[in-house]
């Protein structure tokens, strides 16, 4: 079968992948569509260290082909959106409703794939850049068959991360103010999360002025073109004189992390969603933190996928959550290289691969 394999030096499409049968508590899914997320690019450029060879992809949706022993919540033929959280469901963190913190789900990649007799790792317990993949039952969330798979694919990472950061981690309240730095796939979902939460003022900041229209479509009330203004914080403070209740950094740049902190009002929260290099350090004025400001990390939108994916699917059906509009370009998997190039150059909010 076809899939995208990264061998430690380059990623390319192959057609001779093999996958084992699902075991107890596992689900075999025929992937219909998979979003190309920045995290996949970060594996390829070394920002996210991951052992090769690995089948990439972690933002997918498809149709259940088979289930292993003990799986009852989905059956063959069900449409599912996949999460990357292969959480155990039994540890202290899972029991407290914090599956993103499950220690058994982090740093232990499986090898359900093989190629020429050699085992290949699975990225993010998912590997959606393959015609078929195996996930734990908890990762497969049933969705209505009427949602296009090209749109449903994006729920499992970009939407869970961006919208979840607003609703679950920051818990933005009605009438509050929000600044979103970076309006790529994650940033757009933060914008619409803030809109859904009822934020009164939502300021989008990006160095690409072409992104203003889509930022406003997703919920921005104001747009600051970072390529045109010499002092972005000053430009934001013309809109929010005392600063923001919440600032989300969605780029992964340590300078912008500092900027997010500096843009906060008293009692404000800076939420870090972008991923800098693993050894990079950021700085801030310690004295400013005594105004009850908070710097918050956020893993995967602090989500509970079985609950949140179903919720977001319902919000989509109500017309409150935009999914179709996130999909800028659809590529057959054979055009993976073009999809990567478009993502690198910011030509797409989200490119989606199909099989």
C-alpha atoms as a PDB file:
ATOM      1  CA  UNK A   1       0.000   0.000   0.000  1.00  0.00           C
ATOM      2  CA  UNK A   2       1.010   3.656  -0.423  1.00  0.00           C
ATOM      3  CA  UNK A   3       2.367   5.886   2.308  1.00  0.00           C
ATOM      4  CA  UNK A   4       4.865   8.629   3.136  1.00  0.00           C
ATOM      5  CA  UNK A   5       8.063   7.370   4.777  1.00  0.00           C
ATOM      6  CA  UNK A   6      10.780   9.531   6.330  1.00  0.00           C
ATOM      7  CA  UNK A   7      14.108   7.685   6.433  1.00  0.00           C
ATOM      8  CA  UNK A   8      15.966  10.258   8.518  1.00  0.00           C
ATOM      9  CA  UNK A   9      17.121  12.280   5.512  1.00  0.00           C
ATOM     10  CA  UNK A  10      14.154  12.649   3.187  1.00  0.00           C
ATOM     11  CA  UNK A  11      10.456  11.876   3.020  1.00  0.00           C
ATOM     12  CA  UNK A  12       9.015  10.187  -0.037  1.00  0.00           C
ATOM     13  CA  UNK A  13       5.953   8.330  -1.185  1.00  0.00           C
ATOM     14  CA  UNK A  14       6.332   4.548  -1.376  1.00  0.00           C
ATOM     15  CA  UNK A  15       3.896   1.914  -2.585  1.00  0.00           C
ATOM     16  CA  UNK A  16       5.121  -1.208  -0.795  1.00  0.00           C
ATOM     17  CA  UNK A  17       4.114  -0.609   2.824  1.00  0.00           C
ATOM     18  CA  UNK A  18       2.578  -3.462   4.777  1.00  0.00           C
ATOM     19  CA  UNK A  19       0.555  -3.314   7.974  1.00  0.00           C
ATOM     20  CA  UNK A  20      -0.331  -6.015  10.458  1.00  0.00           C
ATOM     21  CA  UNK A  21      -3.849  -6.954  11.560  1.00  0.00           C
ATOM     22  CA  UNK A  22      -5.412  -5.091  14.501  1.00  0.00           C
ATOM     23  CA  UNK A  23      -4.848  -6.647  17.901  1.00  0.00           C
ATOM     24  CA  UNK A  24      -7.007  -6.440  21.028  1.00  0.00           C
ATOM     25  CA  UNK A  25      -8.196  -2.885  21.643  1.00  0.00           C
ATOM     26  CA  UNK A  26      -7.071  -1.684  18.179  1.00  0.00           C
ATOM     27  CA  UNK A  27      -8.819  -0.394  15.080  1.00  0.00           C
ATOM     28  CA  UNK A  28      -7.741  -0.685  11.437  1.00  0.00           C
ATOM     29  CA  UNK A  29      -8.749   2.426   9.496  1.00  0.00           C
ATOM     30  CA  UNK A  30      -8.702   3.059   5.746  1.00  0.00           C
ATOM     31  CA  UNK A  31      -7.513   6.668   5.564  1.00  0.00           C
ATOM     32  CA  UNK A  32      -9.588   8.895   3.313  1.00  0.00           C
ATOM     33  CA  UNK A  33      -7.814  12.187   3.975  1.00  0.00           C
ATOM     34  CA  UNK A  34      -4.971  13.544   6.099  1.00  0.00           C
ATOM     35  CA  UNK A  35      -3.918  17.109   6.817  1.00  0.00           C
ATOM     36  CA  UNK A  36      -0.297  18.174   6.427  1.00  0.00           C
ATOM     37  CA  UNK A  37       0.524  19.764   9.759  1.00  0.00           C
ATOM     38  CA  UNK A  38       3.595  21.735  10.813  1.00  0.00           C
ATOM     39  CA  UNK A  39       4.522  18.906  13.181  1.00  0.00           C
ATOM     40  CA  UNK A  40       5.099  16.599  10.210  1.00  0.00           C
ATOM     41  CA  UNK A  41       7.440  19.191   8.732  1.00  0.00           C
ATOM     42  CA  UNK A  42       9.162  19.501  12.117  1.00  0.00           C
ATOM     43  CA  UNK A  43      10.007  15.796  12.076  1.00  0.00           C
ATOM     44  CA  UNK A  44      11.506  16.206   8.612  1.00  0.00           C
ATOM     45  CA  UNK A  45      13.675  19.203   9.578  1.00  0.00           C
ATOM     46  CA  UNK A  46      14.710  17.760  12.944  1.00  0.00           C
ATOM     47  CA  UNK A  47      12.842  20.240  15.155  1.00  0.00           C
ATOM     48  CA  UNK A  48      10.891  17.295  16.566  1.00  0.00           C
ATOM     49  CA  UNK A  49      13.290  14.379  17.086  1.00  0.00           C
ATOM     50  CA  UNK A  50      11.727  11.078  16.051  1.00  0.00           C
ATOM     51  CA  UNK A  51      13.345   7.722  15.253  1.00  0.00           C
ATOM     52  CA  UNK A  52      13.399   6.760  11.549  1.00  0.00           C
ATOM     53  CA  UNK A  53      12.257   5.118   9.455  1.00  0.00           C
ATOM     54  CA  UNK A  54       8.776   6.393  10.253  1.00  0.00           C
ATOM     55  CA  UNK A  55       5.457   6.668   8.456  1.00  0.00           C
ATOM     56  CA  UNK A  56       4.424  10.307   8.787  1.00  0.00           C
ATOM     57  CA  UNK A  57       1.030  11.931   9.304  1.00  0.00           C
ATOM     58  CA  UNK A  58      -1.082  12.429  12.392  1.00  0.00           C
ATOM     59  CA  UNK A  59      -4.175  14.387  11.339  1.00  0.00           C
ATOM     60  CA  UNK A  60      -6.510  12.000   9.562  1.00  0.00           C
ATOM     61  CA  UNK A  61      -9.997  10.648   9.036  1.00  0.00           C
ATOM     62  CA  UNK A  62     -11.277   7.546   7.346  1.00  0.00           C
ATOM     63  CA  UNK A  63     -13.493   4.485   7.504  1.00  0.00           C
ATOM     64  CA  UNK A  64     -13.124   1.602   9.939  1.00  0.00           C
ATOM     65  CA  UNK A  65     -12.115  -1.596   8.138  1.00  0.00           C
ATOM     66  CA  UNK A  66     -11.675  -3.961  11.077  1.00  0.00           C
ATOM     67  CA  UNK A  67     -11.601  -3.921  14.863  1.00  0.00           C
ATOM     68  CA  UNK A  68      -9.684  -5.999  17.348  1.00  0.00           C
ATOM     69  CA  UNK A  69     -11.016  -7.952  20.271  1.00  0.00           C
ATOM     70  CA  UNK A  70     -12.844  -5.861  22.854  1.00  0.00           C
ATOM     71  CA  UNK A  71     -13.608  -2.886  20.609  1.00  0.00           C
ATOM     72  CA  UNK A  72     -17.320  -2.069  20.674  1.00  0.00           C
ATOM     73  CA  UNK A  73     -17.755   1.689  20.207  1.00  0.00           C
ATOM     74  CA  UNK A  74     -16.948   1.565  16.472  1.00  0.00           C
ATOM     75  CA  UNK A  75     -17.632  -1.102  13.848  1.00  0.00           C
ATOM     76  CA  UNK A  76     -16.501  -1.645  10.250  1.00  0.00           C
ATOM     77  CA  UNK A  77     -18.032   0.999   8.009  1.00  0.00           C
ATOM     78  CA  UNK A  78     -18.072   3.760  10.639  1.00  0.00           C
ATOM     79  CA  UNK A  79     -16.518   7.092   9.709  1.00  0.00           C
ATOM     80  CA  UNK A  80     -13.948   8.203  12.267  1.00  0.00           C
ATOM     81  CA  UNK A  81     -11.685  11.147  12.992  1.00  0.00           C
ATOM     82  CA  UNK A  82      -8.392  10.120  14.562  1.00  0.00           C
ATOM     83  CA  UNK A  83      -6.634  11.651  17.524  1.00  0.00           C
ATOM     84  CA  UNK A  84      -2.928  11.311  18.236  1.00  0.00           C
ATOM     85  CA  UNK A  85      -3.551  10.465  21.881  1.00  0.00           C
ATOM     86  CA  UNK A  86      -2.986   6.777  22.438  1.00  0.00           C
ATOM     87  CA  UNK A  87      -3.679   7.314  26.121  1.00  0.00           C
ATOM     88  CA  UNK A  88      -4.070   4.316  28.362  1.00  0.00           C
ATOM     89  CA  UNK A  89      -7.274   5.413  30.108  1.00  0.00           C
ATOM     90  CA  UNK A  90      -6.171   3.908  33.403  1.00  0.00           C
ATOM     91  CA  UNK A  91      -3.320   6.011  34.826  1.00  0.00           C
ATOM     92  CA  UNK A  92      -3.747   8.819  37.352  1.00  0.00           C
ATOM     93  CA  UNK A  93      -3.676  11.537  34.682  1.00  0.00           C
ATOM     94  CA  UNK A  94      -6.247   9.800  32.478  1.00  0.00           C
ATOM     95  CA  UNK A  95      -8.425   9.201  35.530  1.00  0.00           C
ATOM     96  CA  UNK A  96      -8.293  12.936  36.294  1.00  0.00           C
ATOM     97  CA  UNK A  97      -9.504  13.798  32.795  1.00  0.00           C
ATOM     98  CA  UNK A  98      -6.054  14.816  31.513  1.00  0.00           C
ATOM     99  CA  UNK A  99      -5.321  12.305  28.733  1.00  0.00           C
ATOM    100  CA  UNK A 100      -2.808  14.671  27.104  1.00  0.00           C
ATOM    101  CA  UNK A 101      -0.575  14.044  30.115  1.00  0.00           C
ATOM    102  CA  UNK A 102      -0.743  10.229  29.958  1.00  0.00           C
ATOM    103  CA  UNK A 103       2.852   9.045  30.374  1.00  0.00           C
ATOM    104  CA  UNK A 104       2.144   5.803  28.559  1.00  0.00           C
ATOM    105  CA  UNK A 105       1.146   7.742  25.430  1.00  0.00           C
ATOM    106  CA  UNK A 106       4.341   9.773  25.054  1.00  0.00           C
ATOM    107  CA  UNK A 107       7.711   8.580  23.800  1.00  0.00           C
ATOM    108  CA  UNK A 108       6.850   4.957  23.075  1.00  0.00           C
ATOM    109  CA  UNK A 109       6.169   4.692  19.326  1.00  0.00           C
ATOM    110  CA  UNK A 110       4.908   1.396  17.971  1.00  0.00           C
ATOM    111  CA  UNK A 111       5.906  -0.343  14.755  1.00  0.00           C
ATOM    112  CA  UNK A 112       2.747  -1.672  13.084  1.00  0.00           C
ATOM    113  CA  UNK A 113       4.184  -1.090   9.599  1.00  0.00           C
ATOM    114  CA  UNK A 114       6.849  -2.918   7.663  1.00  0.00           C
ATOM    115  CA  UNK A 115       8.555  -2.505   4.314  1.00  0.00           C
ATOM    116  CA  UNK A 116      10.670  -5.211   2.757  1.00  0.00           C
ATOM    117  CA  UNK A 117      10.679  -7.009   6.082  1.00  0.00           C
ATOM    118  CA  UNK A 118      11.953  -3.960   8.003  1.00  0.00           C
ATOM    119  CA  UNK A 119       9.688  -2.522  10.749  1.00  0.00           C
ATOM    120  CA  UNK A 120       8.776   1.164  10.526  1.00  0.00           C
ATOM    121  CA  UNK A 121       7.781   3.439  13.391  1.00  0.00           C
ATOM    122  CA  UNK A 122       4.393   5.077  13.689  1.00  0.00           C
ATOM    123  CA  UNK A 123       4.392   8.862  14.105  1.00  0.00           C
ATOM    124  CA  UNK A 124       2.278  10.214  16.953  1.00  0.00           C
ATOM    125  CA  UNK A 125       0.599   6.806  17.362  1.00  0.00           C
ATOM    126  CA  UNK A 126      -1.242   7.637  14.157  1.00  0.00           C
ATOM    127  CA  UNK A 127       0.647   7.696  10.806  1.00  0.00           C
ATOM    128  CA  UNK A 128      -2.238   9.040   8.750  1.00  0.00           C
ATOM    129  CA  UNK A 129      -0.072   9.404   5.607  1.00  0.00           C
ATOM    130  CA  UNK A 130      -0.803   5.803   4.678  1.00  0.00           C
ATOM    131  CA  UNK A 131      -3.683   4.098   2.950  1.00  0.00           C
ATOM    132  CA  UNK A 132      -4.358   2.176   6.158  1.00  0.00           C
ATOM    133  CA  UNK A 133      -3.266   2.637   9.729  1.00  0.00           C
ATOM    134  CA  UNK A 134      -3.829   1.017  13.096  1.00  0.00           C
ATOM    135  CA  UNK A 135      -4.760   3.056  16.149  1.00  0.00           C
ATOM    136  CA  UNK A 136      -5.859   2.314  19.671  1.00  0.00           C
ATOM    137  CA  UNK A 137      -9.619   2.199  20.047  1.00  0.00           C
ATOM    138  CA  UNK A 138      -9.572   5.362  22.161  1.00  0.00           C
ATOM    139  CA  UNK A 139      -8.094   7.266  19.183  1.00  0.00           C
ATOM    140  CA  UNK A 140     -10.929   6.474  16.775  1.00  0.00           C
ATOM    141  CA  UNK A 141     -13.883   8.790  17.334  1.00  0.00           C
ATOM    142  CA  UNK A 142     -17.057   8.122  15.401  1.00  0.00           C
ATOM    143  CA  UNK A 143     -18.343  11.080  13.382  1.00  0.00           C
ATOM    144  CA  UNK A 144     -21.417  11.556  11.165  1.00  0.00           C
ATOM    145  CA  UNK A 145     -20.895  10.117   7.698  1.00  0.00           C
ATOM    146  CA  UNK A 146     -22.101  13.386   6.175  1.00  0.00           C
ATOM    147  CA  UNK A 147     -18.972  15.308   7.175  1.00  0.00           C
ATOM    148  CA  UNK A 148     -16.474  15.291   4.278  1.00  0.00           C
ATOM    149  CA  UNK A 149     -13.374  13.334   5.253  1.00  0.00           C
ATOM    150  CA  UNK A 150     -11.162  16.123   3.894  1.00  0.00           C
ATOM    151  CA  UNK A 151     -12.684  18.403   6.540  1.00  0.00           C
ATOM    152  CA  UNK A 152     -13.076  15.820   9.298  1.00  0.00           C
ATOM    153  CA  UNK A 153      -9.369  15.012   9.068  1.00  0.00           C
ATOM    154  CA  UNK A 154      -8.481  18.433  10.449  1.00  0.00           C
ATOM    155  CA  UNK A 155     -10.418  17.967  13.675  1.00  0.00           C
ATOM    156  CA  UNK A 156      -7.915  15.457  15.046  1.00  0.00           C
ATOM    157  CA  UNK A 157      -4.999  17.873  15.393  1.00  0.00           C
ATOM    158  CA  UNK A 158      -5.365  21.472  14.214  1.00  0.00           C
ATOM    159  CA  UNK A 159      -8.876  21.960  15.545  1.00  0.00           C
ATOM    160  CA  UNK A 160      -8.312  20.045  18.790  1.00  0.00           C
ATOM    161  CA  UNK A 161      -5.138  22.052  19.406  1.00  0.00           C
ATOM    162  CA  UNK A 162      -6.346  25.539  18.477  1.00  0.00           C
ATOM    163  CA  UNK A 163      -9.960  25.503  19.604  1.00  0.00           C
ATOM    164  CA  UNK A 164      -9.066  23.344  22.594  1.00  0.00           C
ATOM    165  CA  UNK A 165      -6.381  25.795  23.731  1.00  0.00           C
ATOM    166  CA  UNK A 166      -9.068  28.464  23.936  1.00  0.00           C
ATOM    167  CA  UNK A 167     -11.894  26.462  25.479  1.00  0.00           C
ATOM    168  CA  UNK A 168      -9.998  23.948  27.633  1.00  0.00           C
ATOM    169  CA  UNK A 169      -6.668  25.525  28.590  1.00  0.00           C
ATOM    170  CA  UNK A 170      -7.153  29.294  28.619  1.00  0.00           C
ATOM    171  CA  UNK A 171     -10.912  29.041  29.182  1.00  0.00           C
ATOM    172  CA  UNK A 172     -11.551  32.322  27.424  1.00  0.00           C
ATOM    173  CA  UNK A 173     -14.732  33.894  28.758  1.00  0.00           C
ATOM    174  CA  UNK A 174     -17.481  35.906  27.127  1.00  0.00           C
ATOM    175  CA  UNK A 175     -16.411  39.520  26.566  1.00  0.00           C
ATOM    176  CA  UNK A 176     -12.662  38.982  27.065  1.00  0.00           C
ATOM    177  CA  UNK A 177      -9.889  40.126  24.725  1.00  0.00           C
ATOM    178  CA  UNK A 178      -7.591  37.882  22.704  1.00  0.00           C
ATOM    179  CA  UNK A 179      -4.435  38.326  20.610  1.00  0.00           C
ATOM    180  CA  UNK A 180      -3.410  35.547  18.220  1.00  0.00           C
ATOM    181  CA  UNK A 181       0.160  35.691  16.890  1.00  0.00           C
ATOM    182  CA  UNK A 182       0.389  33.681  13.667  1.00  0.00           C
ATOM    183  CA  UNK A 183      -2.616  32.785  11.530  1.00  0.00           C
ATOM    184  CA  UNK A 184      -1.635  29.452  10.061  1.00  0.00           C
ATOM    185  CA  UNK A 185      -3.672  26.315  10.637  1.00  0.00           C
ATOM    186  CA  UNK A 186      -3.392  26.463  14.437  1.00  0.00           C
ATOM    187  CA  UNK A 187      -3.851  30.227  14.629  1.00  0.00           C
ATOM    188  CA  UNK A 188      -7.040  30.130  12.574  1.00  0.00           C
ATOM    189  CA  UNK A 189      -8.482  27.567  14.952  1.00  0.00           C
ATOM    190  CA  UNK A 190      -7.534  29.731  17.931  1.00  0.00           C
ATOM    191  CA  UNK A 191      -9.362  32.591  16.234  1.00  0.00           C
ATOM    192  CA  UNK A 192     -12.522  30.584  15.777  1.00  0.00           C
ATOM    193  CA  UNK A 193     -12.223  29.161  19.266  1.00  0.00           C
ATOM    194  CA  UNK A 194     -12.139  32.715  20.609  1.00  0.00           C
ATOM    195  CA  UNK A 195     -15.176  33.576  18.491  1.00  0.00           C
ATOM    196  CA  UNK A 196     -17.071  30.534  19.781  1.00  0.00           C
ATOM    197  CA  UNK A 197     -16.100  31.449  23.357  1.00  0.00           C
ATOM    198  CA  UNK A 198     -17.609  34.922  22.902  1.00  0.00           C
ATOM    199  CA  UNK A 199     -14.445  37.037  23.050  1.00  0.00           C
ATOM    200  CA  UNK A 200     -15.247  40.694  22.418  1.00  0.00           C
ATOM    201  CA  UNK A 201     -12.019  41.762  20.701  1.00  0.00           C
ATOM    202  CA  UNK A 202      -9.881  39.306  18.748  1.00  0.00           C
ATOM    203  CA  UNK A 203      -6.661  40.688  17.265  1.00  0.00           C
ATOM    204  CA  UNK A 204      -4.817  38.605  14.669  1.00  0.00           C
ATOM    205  CA  UNK A 205      -1.109  39.334  14.069  1.00  0.00           C
ATOM    206  CA  UNK A 206       0.712  38.024  11.015  1.00  0.00           C
ATOM    207  CA  UNK A 207       3.541  39.112   8.718  1.00  0.00           C
ATOM    208  CA  UNK A 208       1.572  38.101   5.626  1.00  0.00           C
ATOM    209  CA  UNK A 209      -1.089  40.720   4.780  1.00  0.00           C
ATOM    210  CA  UNK A 210      -2.795  38.240   2.431  1.00  0.00           C
ATOM    211  CA  UNK A 211      -3.996  36.363   5.511  1.00  0.00           C
ATOM    212  CA  UNK A 212      -6.188  39.193   6.761  1.00  0.00           C
ATOM    213  CA  UNK A 213      -9.342  38.144   4.899  1.00  0.00           C
ATOM    214  CA  UNK A 214      -9.280  34.559   6.143  1.00  0.00           C
ATOM    215  CA  UNK A 215      -8.343  35.679   9.676  1.00  0.00           C
ATOM    216  CA  UNK A 216     -11.430  37.878   9.771  1.00  0.00           C
ATOM    217  CA  UNK A 217     -13.524  35.049   8.317  1.00  0.00           C
ATOM    218  CA  UNK A 218     -12.518  32.831  11.246  1.00  0.00           C
ATOM    219  CA  UNK A 219     -13.208  35.434  13.901  1.00  0.00           C
ATOM    220  CA  UNK A 220     -10.621  38.224  14.006  1.00  0.00           C
ATOM    221  CA  UNK A 221     -12.122  41.629  14.708  1.00  0.00           C
ATOM    222  CA  UNK A 222      -8.790  43.361  13.967  1.00  0.00           C
ATOM    223  CA  UNK A 223      -5.665  42.501  11.967  1.00  0.00           C
ATOM    224  CA  UNK A 224      -2.113  43.787  12.517  1.00  0.00           C
ATOM    225  CA  UNK A 225       0.243  43.386   9.570  1.00  0.00           C
ATOM    226  CA  UNK A 226       3.591  42.692  11.221  1.00  0.00           C
ATOM    227  CA  UNK A 227       5.403  43.347   7.937  1.00  0.00           C
ATOM    228  CA  UNK A 228       4.170  46.935   7.839  1.00  0.00           C
ATOM    229  CA  UNK A 229       4.459  48.182  11.409  1.00  0.00           C
ATOM    230  CA  UNK A 230       7.765  48.852  13.132  1.00  0.00           C
ATOM    231  CA  UNK A 231       6.399  48.112  16.609  1.00  0.00           C
ATOM    232  CA  UNK A 232       3.825  45.319  16.756  1.00  0.00           C
ATOM    233  CA  UNK A 233       3.120  45.645  20.507  1.00  0.00           C
ATOM    234  CA  UNK A 234       2.452  49.363  20.043  1.00  0.00           C
ATOM    235  CA  UNK A 235       0.107  48.631  17.144  1.00  0.00           C
ATOM    236  CA  UNK A 236      -1.780  46.079  19.229  1.00  0.00           C
ATOM    237  CA  UNK A 237      -2.014  48.501  22.143  1.00  0.00           C
ATOM    238  CA  UNK A 238      -3.714  51.033  19.898  1.00  0.00           C
ATOM    239  CA  UNK A 239      -6.524  48.467  19.809  1.00  0.00           C
ATOM    240  CA  UNK A 240      -6.144  47.165  23.379  1.00  0.00           C
ATOM    241  CA  UNK A 241      -4.636  50.040  25.409  1.00  0.00           C
ATOM    242  CA  UNK A 242      -4.252  48.029  28.619  1.00  0.00           C
ATOM    243  CA  UNK A 243      -3.255  44.792  26.911  1.00  0.00           C
ATOM    244  CA  UNK A 244      -5.012  41.486  26.264  1.00  0.00           C
ATOM    245  CA  UNK A 245      -6.632  39.011  28.593  1.00  0.00           C
ATOM    246  CA  UNK A 246      -5.170  36.189  26.500  1.00  0.00           C
ATOM    247  CA  UNK A 247      -2.308  36.058  23.987  1.00  0.00           C
ATOM    248  CA  UNK A 248      -1.657  32.905  21.957  1.00  0.00           C
ATOM    249  CA  UNK A 249       1.732  32.337  20.290  1.00  0.00           C
ATOM    250  CA  UNK A 250       1.142  30.035  17.318  1.00  0.00           C
ATOM    251  CA  UNK A 251       4.446  30.325  15.441  1.00  0.00           C
ATOM    252  CA  UNK A 252       7.112  28.780  17.658  1.00  0.00           C
ATOM    253  CA  UNK A 253       9.461  31.770  17.755  1.00  0.00           C
ATOM    254  CA  UNK A 254      11.043  32.716  21.078  1.00  0.00           C
ATOM    255  CA  UNK A 255      10.940  36.417  20.200  1.00  0.00           C
ATOM    256  CA  UNK A 256       7.222  36.160  19.594  1.00  0.00           C
ATOM    257  CA  UNK A 257       6.794  34.304  22.873  1.00  0.00           C
ATOM    258  CA  UNK A 258       8.299  37.337  24.599  1.00  0.00           C
ATOM    259  CA  UNK A 259       5.968  39.525  22.570  1.00  0.00           C
ATOM    260  CA  UNK A 260       2.935  37.503  23.708  1.00  0.00           C
ATOM    261  CA  UNK A 261       3.931  37.994  27.351  1.00  0.00           C
ATOM    262  CA  UNK A 262       4.503  41.720  26.851  1.00  0.00           C
ATOM    263  CA  UNK A 263       1.057  42.141  25.288  1.00  0.00           C
ATOM    264  CA  UNK A 264      -0.795  40.912  28.371  1.00  0.00           C
ATOM    265  CA  UNK A 265      -3.005  42.989  30.591  1.00  0.00           C
ATOM    266  CA  UNK A 266      -2.964  42.437  34.340  1.00  0.00           C
ATOM    267  CA  UNK A 267      -4.034  38.888  35.150  1.00  0.00           C
ATOM    268  CA  UNK A 268      -3.446  37.974  31.500  1.00  0.00           C
ATOM    269  CA  UNK A 269      -2.452  34.584  30.142  1.00  0.00           C
ATOM    270  CA  UNK A 270       0.121  33.832  27.444  1.00  0.00           C
ATOM    271  CA  UNK A 271      -0.545  30.429  25.883  1.00  0.00           C
ATOM    272  CA  UNK A 272       2.308  28.784  23.960  1.00  0.00           C
ATOM    273  CA  UNK A 273       1.204  26.671  21.000  1.00  0.00           C
ATOM    274  CA  UNK A 274       4.046  27.074  18.488  1.00  0.00           C
ATOM    275  CA  UNK A 275       6.988  24.665  18.766  1.00  0.00           C
ATOM    276  CA  UNK A 276      10.494  26.227  18.805  1.00  0.00           C
ATOM    277  CA  UNK A 277      13.577  24.041  18.749  1.00  0.00           C
ATOM    278  CA  UNK A 278      13.681  21.768  21.776  1.00  0.00           C
ATOM    279  CA  UNK A 279      16.745  23.512  23.237  1.00  0.00           C
ATOM    280  CA  UNK A 280      15.647  27.092  22.603  1.00  0.00           C
ATOM    281  CA  UNK A 281      15.062  29.416  25.541  1.00  0.00           C
ATOM    282  CA  UNK A 282      12.736  32.409  25.881  1.00  0.00           C
ATOM    283  CA  UNK A 283      13.051  35.378  28.226  1.00  0.00           C
ATOM    284  CA  UNK A 284      10.623  37.747  29.898  1.00  0.00           C
ATOM    285  CA  UNK A 285      10.619  40.482  32.520  1.00  0.00           C
ATOM    286  CA  UNK A 286      10.117  38.742  35.844  1.00  0.00           C
ATOM    287  CA  UNK A 287       8.767  41.924  37.423  1.00  0.00           C
ATOM    288  CA  UNK A 288       5.824  41.937  35.006  1.00  0.00           C
ATOM    289  CA  UNK A 289       4.648  38.563  36.289  1.00  0.00           C
ATOM    290  CA  UNK A 290       3.767  40.007  39.681  1.00  0.00           C
ATOM    291  CA  UNK A 291       0.685  41.518  38.063  1.00  0.00           C
ATOM    292  CA  UNK A 292      -0.839  38.033  38.176  1.00  0.00           C
ATOM    293  CA  UNK A 293       0.220  37.201  34.637  1.00  0.00           C
ATOM    294  CA  UNK A 294       0.620  33.579  33.591  1.00  0.00           C
ATOM    295  CA  UNK A 295       2.669  31.773  30.935  1.00  0.00           C
ATOM    296  CA  UNK A 296       0.932  28.540  29.994  1.00  0.00           C
ATOM    297  CA  UNK A 297       2.148  25.614  27.972  1.00  0.00           C
ATOM    298  CA  UNK A 298      -0.507  23.695  26.119  1.00  0.00           C
ATOM    299  CA  UNK A 299      -0.257  20.175  24.748  1.00  0.00           C
ATOM    300  CA  UNK A 300      -2.798  19.212  22.119  1.00  0.00           C
ATOM    301  CA  UNK A 301      -5.377  21.737  23.269  1.00  0.00           C
ATOM    302  CA  UNK A 302      -5.620  20.064  26.707  1.00  0.00           C
ATOM    303  CA  UNK A 303      -8.202  17.979  24.890  1.00  0.00           C
ATOM    304  CA  UNK A 304     -10.287  14.947  25.713  1.00  0.00           C
ATOM    305  CA  UNK A 305     -10.664  13.622  22.170  1.00  0.00           C
ATOM    306  CA  UNK A 306     -13.635  11.289  22.606  1.00  0.00           C
ATOM    307  CA  UNK A 307     -15.584  14.217  24.024  1.00  0.00           C
ATOM    308  CA  UNK A 308     -14.100  17.102  22.038  1.00  0.00           C
ATOM    309  CA  UNK A 309     -14.066  15.590  18.537  1.00  0.00           C
ATOM    310  CA  UNK A 310     -17.754  14.735  18.869  1.00  0.00           C
ATOM    311  CA  UNK A 311     -18.436  18.266  20.144  1.00  0.00           C
ATOM    312  CA  UNK A 312     -16.570  19.918  17.276  1.00  0.00           C
ATOM    313  CA  UNK A 313     -18.297  17.703  14.728  1.00  0.00           C
ATOM    314  CA  UNK A 314     -21.611  18.886  16.160  1.00  0.00           C
ATOM    315  CA  UNK A 315     -20.523  22.544  16.085  1.00  0.00           C
ATOM    316  CA  UNK A 316     -19.571  22.048  12.427  1.00  0.00           C
ATOM    317  CA  UNK A 317     -23.017  20.685  11.629  1.00  0.00           C
ATOM    318  CA  UNK A 318     -24.531  23.726  13.365  1.00  0.00           C
ATOM    319  CA  UNK A 319     -22.435  26.047  11.193  1.00  0.00           C
ATOM    320  CA  UNK A 320     -20.535  27.433  14.189  1.00  0.00           C
ATOM    321  CA  UNK A 321     -17.193  25.704  13.514  1.00  0.00           C
ATOM    322  CA  UNK A 322     -15.485  26.214  10.153  1.00  0.00           C
ATOM    323  CA  UNK A 323     -13.817  23.140   8.696  1.00  0.00           C
ATOM    324  CA  UNK A 324     -14.330  23.259   4.924  1.00  0.00           C
ATOM    325  CA  UNK A 325     -12.849  26.758   4.901  1.00  0.00           C
ATOM    326  CA  UNK A 326      -9.613  25.484   6.492  1.00  0.00           C
ATOM    327  CA  UNK A 327      -8.879  23.268   3.495  1.00  0.00           C
ATOM    328  CA  UNK A 328      -6.937  25.446   1.076  1.00  0.00           C
ATOM    329  CA  UNK A 329      -5.743  22.704  -1.258  1.00  0.00           C
ATOM    330  CA  UNK A 330      -6.367  18.967  -1.699  1.00  0.00           C
ATOM    331  CA  UNK A 331      -3.500  16.861  -3.086  1.00  0.00           C
ATOM    332  CA  UNK A 332      -3.300  13.217  -4.107  1.00  0.00           C
ATOM    333  CA  UNK A 333      -0.680  11.600  -1.899  1.00  0.00           C
ATOM    334  CA  UNK A 334       1.648  11.343  -4.913  1.00  0.00           C
ATOM    335  CA  UNK A 335       1.902  15.168  -4.789  1.00  0.00           C
ATOM    336  CA  UNK A 336       3.306  15.124  -1.253  1.00  0.00           C
ATOM    337  CA  UNK A 337       6.398  17.123  -2.259  1.00  0.00           C
ATOM    338  CA  UNK A 338       4.253  19.915  -3.698  1.00  0.00           C
ATOM    339  CA  UNK A 339       2.103  19.947  -0.557  1.00  0.00           C
ATOM    340  CA  UNK A 340       5.243  20.329   1.567  1.00  0.00           C
ATOM    341  CA  UNK A 341       6.542  23.169  -0.598  1.00  0.00           C
ATOM    342  CA  UNK A 342       3.217  24.997  -0.429  1.00  0.00           C
ATOM    343  CA  UNK A 343       3.152  24.610   3.364  1.00  0.00           C
ATOM    344  CA  UNK A 344       6.758  25.835   3.710  1.00  0.00           C
ATOM    345  CA  UNK A 345       5.974  28.979   1.730  1.00  0.00           C
ATOM    346  CA  UNK A 346       2.708  29.748   3.524  1.00  0.00           C
ATOM    347  CA  UNK A 347       0.532  29.286   0.441  1.00  0.00           C
ATOM    348  CA  UNK A 348      -2.036  27.217   2.310  1.00  0.00           C
ATOM    349  CA  UNK A 349      -3.845  27.344   5.659  1.00  0.00           C
ATOM    350  CA  UNK A 350      -4.051  23.575   5.500  1.00  0.00           C
ATOM    351  CA  UNK A 351      -3.178  21.217   2.683  1.00  0.00           C
ATOM    352  CA  UNK A 352      -4.921  17.854   2.747  1.00  0.00           C
ATOM    353  CA  UNK A 353      -3.630  14.606   1.224  1.00  0.00           C
ATOM    354  CA  UNK A 354      -6.065  12.056  -0.177  1.00  0.00           C
ATOM    355  CA  UNK A 355      -5.677   8.397  -1.033  1.00  0.00           C
END
